[in-house]
C-alpha cells in the first residue's frame, strides 16, 4: 500500500530533474544575481535552479518538525467557557429550579 505514494514521489522527482536538465541544456548562458550591493558569481541557469530546488527541499525537511510542534495541544489557545447558557441548558435549569 505504501509503494504507490513512493512511486508517485519518485515519478515527480524524476520529472523535475529531467525538466531542470532540459532547461539547463537549452539555456546554458551564465547568469548572475544582484541583491542590494551584492553580486553573485556567474553560473548557468540550470545550476541556479538545481541549487534553489535543493535548498527548498532541505529547508522543508528541516522545518517539518517545527510545523508538527505548532499542532501540539500545548500551543493551542485555551477554550474559555462563557457564562451564557445555551437554549437547551436554559430549559434544564428551569426544570431543576422548579424541583427546588
Foldseek 3Di string as FASTA:
>chain_A
DVVVVVVVVVVVVVVVVVVLVVVQVVFVFWDWDDDPNDIGDTGGVSVVVVVVVVVVVVVCVVCVVVVVVCPDPVNDDDDDDDPDDDPVVVVVVVVVVVVD
